[in-house]
């Protein structure tokens, strides 16, 4: 089983950049890279076969950056079954991070917003993959950016 993390690509707020970084962090460092696909909303909309296949075969986690839930709506329109939803604003509130304090684009892999989002996305993926036997899904697996050898472009 694989998990497709489909995240918001919207420009309604800068936290979208933090969500994207958190998804890269989860896919490349926290969970098994061969068990995670990163979906692309524009590619799905364009019918790119790889992205269509992700939502057809994988358990899908939708990461939403605002109340519009465009990612979920897009996935539902294409027939995806959404296993989990992560709402960025809720994660920030639960982590005690003020949404209004993040009105800039200066996010990095060890920014508190990125780390809080990565932790919740990781937990959601672990729930979806529960029962799968992968060493990198162990509860004590690395969840931080310090072992990251690649940097996503912003």
Protein backbone atom coordinates (compact mmCIF):
# COMPACT_ATOMS: atom_id res chain seq x y z
CA UNK A 1 0.00 0.00 0.00
CA UNK A 2 1.09 3.55 -0.71
CA UNK A 3 -0.07 6.96 0.46
CA UNK A 4 -0.53 9.94 -1.83
CA UNK A 5 -0.12 13.26 -0.07
CA UNK A 6 -2.07 15.82 -2.08
CA UNK A 7 -1.44 19.31 -0.78
CA UNK A 8 -2.89 22.72 -1.45
CA UNK A 9 -1.15 24.69 -4.18
CA UNK A 10 -3.19 27.82 -3.52
CA UNK A 11 -1.81 31.28 -3.15
CA UNK A 12 -4.40 32.52 -0.68
CA UNK A 13 -1.82 32.57 2.11
CA UNK A 14 1.91 32.05 2.56
CA UNK A 15 1.41 29.03 4.82
CA UNK A 16 0.90 27.07 1.61
CA UNK A 17 4.70 27.22 1.23
CA UNK A 18 5.12 25.70 4.69
CA UNK A 19 2.65 22.94 3.85
CA UNK A 20 4.58 22.09 0.69
CA UNK A 21 7.86 21.92 2.62
CA UNK A 22 6.25 19.74 5.29
CA UNK A 23 5.02 17.33 2.61
CA UNK A 24 8.53 17.10 1.12
CA UNK A 25 9.96 16.50 4.58
CA UNK A 26 7.49 13.70 5.25
CA UNK A 27 7.98 12.07 1.86
CA UNK A 28 11.76 12.26 1.77
CA UNK A 29 12.84 11.86 5.38
CA UNK A 30 10.16 10.76 7.75
CA UNK A 31 8.43 7.88 6.01
CA UNK A 32 9.50 5.30 3.48
CA UNK A 33 10.03 7.18 0.20
CA UNK A 34 8.83 4.14 -1.72
CA UNK A 35 5.51 4.27 0.15
CA UNK A 36 4.72 7.96 -0.41
CA UNK A 37 3.66 9.75 -3.58
CA UNK A 38 3.36 13.53 -3.67
CA UNK A 39 0.36 14.53 -5.72
CA UNK A 40 0.14 17.70 -7.76
CA UNK A 41 -3.25 19.36 -8.10
CA UNK A 42 -2.48 21.15 -11.38
CA UNK A 43 -1.07 17.91 -12.86
CA UNK A 44 -4.19 16.03 -11.74
CA UNK A 45 -6.37 18.70 -13.32
CA UNK A 46 -4.36 18.37 -16.53
CA UNK A 47 -4.82 14.59 -16.52
CA UNK A 48 -1.14 13.70 -16.12
CA UNK A 49 -1.26 9.87 -15.99
CA UNK A 50 1.11 9.56 -13.01
CA UNK A 51 -0.98 11.87 -10.83
CA UNK A 52 -4.23 10.23 -11.88
CA UNK A 53 -2.72 6.84 -10.96
CA UNK A 54 -1.70 8.14 -7.51
CA UNK A 55 -5.28 8.93 -6.52
CA UNK A 56 -6.67 5.76 -8.08
CA UNK A 57 -4.36 3.30 -6.31
CA UNK A 58 -3.09 5.08 -3.17
CA UNK A 59 -4.74 6.01 0.09
CA UNK A 60 -4.98 9.80 -0.19
CA UNK A 61 -4.23 12.44 2.45
CA UNK A 62 -5.51 15.91 1.57
CA UNK A 63 -3.61 18.83 3.12
CA UNK A 64 -5.79 21.94 3.14
CA UNK A 65 -4.42 25.45 3.65
CA UNK A 66 -7.71 27.32 3.97
CA UNK A 67 -11.39 26.76 4.64
CA UNK A 68 -12.19 26.42 0.91
CA UNK A 69 -10.81 22.84 0.92
CA UNK A 70 -9.98 23.02 -2.80
CA UNK A 71 -7.72 19.98 -2.63
CA UNK A 72 -10.51 17.82 -1.24
CA UNK A 73 -12.97 19.15 -3.81
CA UNK A 74 -10.54 18.42 -6.65
CA UNK A 75 -9.84 14.92 -5.37
CA UNK A 76 -13.53 14.15 -4.97
CA UNK A 77 -14.24 15.43 -8.48
CA UNK A 78 -11.73 12.90 -9.79
CA UNK A 79 -13.19 10.08 -7.71
CA UNK A 80 -10.47 9.77 -5.08
CA UNK A 81 -11.23 8.22 -1.73
CA UNK A 82 -9.74 10.52 0.88
CA UNK A 83 -8.31 8.58 3.81
CA UNK A 84 -7.43 11.63 5.92
CA UNK A 85 -7.63 15.41 5.81
CA UNK A 86 -5.14 17.73 7.46
CA UNK A 87 -6.27 21.32 7.93
CA UNK A 88 -3.26 23.60 8.34
CA UNK A 89 -5.11 26.19 10.40
CA UNK A 90 -6.22 23.52 12.91
CA UNK A 91 -2.67 22.17 13.19
CA UNK A 92 -1.31 25.65 13.88
CA UNK A 93 -3.97 26.33 16.50
CA UNK A 94 -3.33 23.02 18.26
CA UNK A 95 0.43 23.69 18.22
CA UNK A 96 -0.12 27.15 19.69
CA UNK A 97 1.20 28.87 16.58
CA UNK A 98 -0.60 32.03 15.53
CA UNK A 99 -1.86 31.96 11.96
CA UNK A 100 -1.41 35.74 11.68
CA UNK A 101 2.27 35.49 12.68
CA UNK A 102 2.98 33.52 9.51
CA UNK A 103 2.20 36.08 6.85
CA UNK A 104 5.57 35.78 5.13
CA UNK A 105 7.30 33.30 2.86
CA UNK A 106 10.45 32.80 4.93
CA UNK A 107 9.82 29.15 5.75
CA UNK A 108 12.60 26.60 6.05
CA UNK A 109 12.65 22.90 6.90
CA UNK A 110 13.14 23.47 10.62
CA UNK A 111 10.58 26.29 10.92
CA UNK A 112 8.06 25.53 13.73
CA UNK A 113 5.12 25.66 11.29
CA UNK A 114 6.78 23.19 8.90
CA UNK A 115 7.69 20.82 11.74
CA UNK A 116 4.21 20.95 13.28
CA UNK A 117 2.63 20.18 9.91
CA UNK A 118 5.12 17.40 9.17
CA UNK A 119 4.35 15.77 12.51
CA UNK A 120 0.60 15.71 11.86
CA UNK A 121 0.96 14.56 8.25
CA UNK A 122 3.32 11.80 9.41
CA UNK A 123 0.82 10.67 12.03
CA UNK A 124 -1.95 10.60 9.42
CA UNK A 125 0.20 8.54 7.04
CA UNK A 126 1.14 6.13 9.82
CA UNK A 127 -2.54 5.64 10.63
CA UNK A 128 -3.30 4.90 7.00
CA UNK A 129 -0.35 2.50 6.69
CA UNK A 130 -1.01 0.83 10.04
CA UNK A 131 -0.37 -2.85 9.84
CA UNK A 132 2.23 -2.41 7.13
CA UNK A 133 5.68 -3.66 8.16
CA UNK A 134 8.19 -1.01 7.18
CA UNK A 135 11.16 -0.20 9.46
CA UNK A 136 10.99 3.48 8.60
CA UNK A 137 7.45 3.64 10.04
CA UNK A 138 8.68 2.79 13.54
CA UNK A 139 7.54 5.30 16.10
CA UNK A 140 11.15 6.22 16.84
CA UNK A 141 12.01 6.86 13.18
CA UNK A 142 13.61 10.22 12.43
CA UNK A 143 11.05 12.99 12.03
CA UNK A 144 13.39 15.95 11.83
CA UNK A 145 15.12 17.73 8.98
CA UNK A 146 18.67 17.25 10.25
CA UNK A 147 19.24 14.20 8.03
CA UNK A 148 17.77 15.84 4.96
CA UNK A 149 20.24 15.78 2.08
CA UNK A 150 17.96 17.34 -0.49
CA UNK A 151 16.29 20.71 -0.44
CA UNK A 152 13.05 21.38 -2.31
CA UNK A 153 13.04 24.51 -4.41
CA UNK A 154 10.71 27.28 -3.32
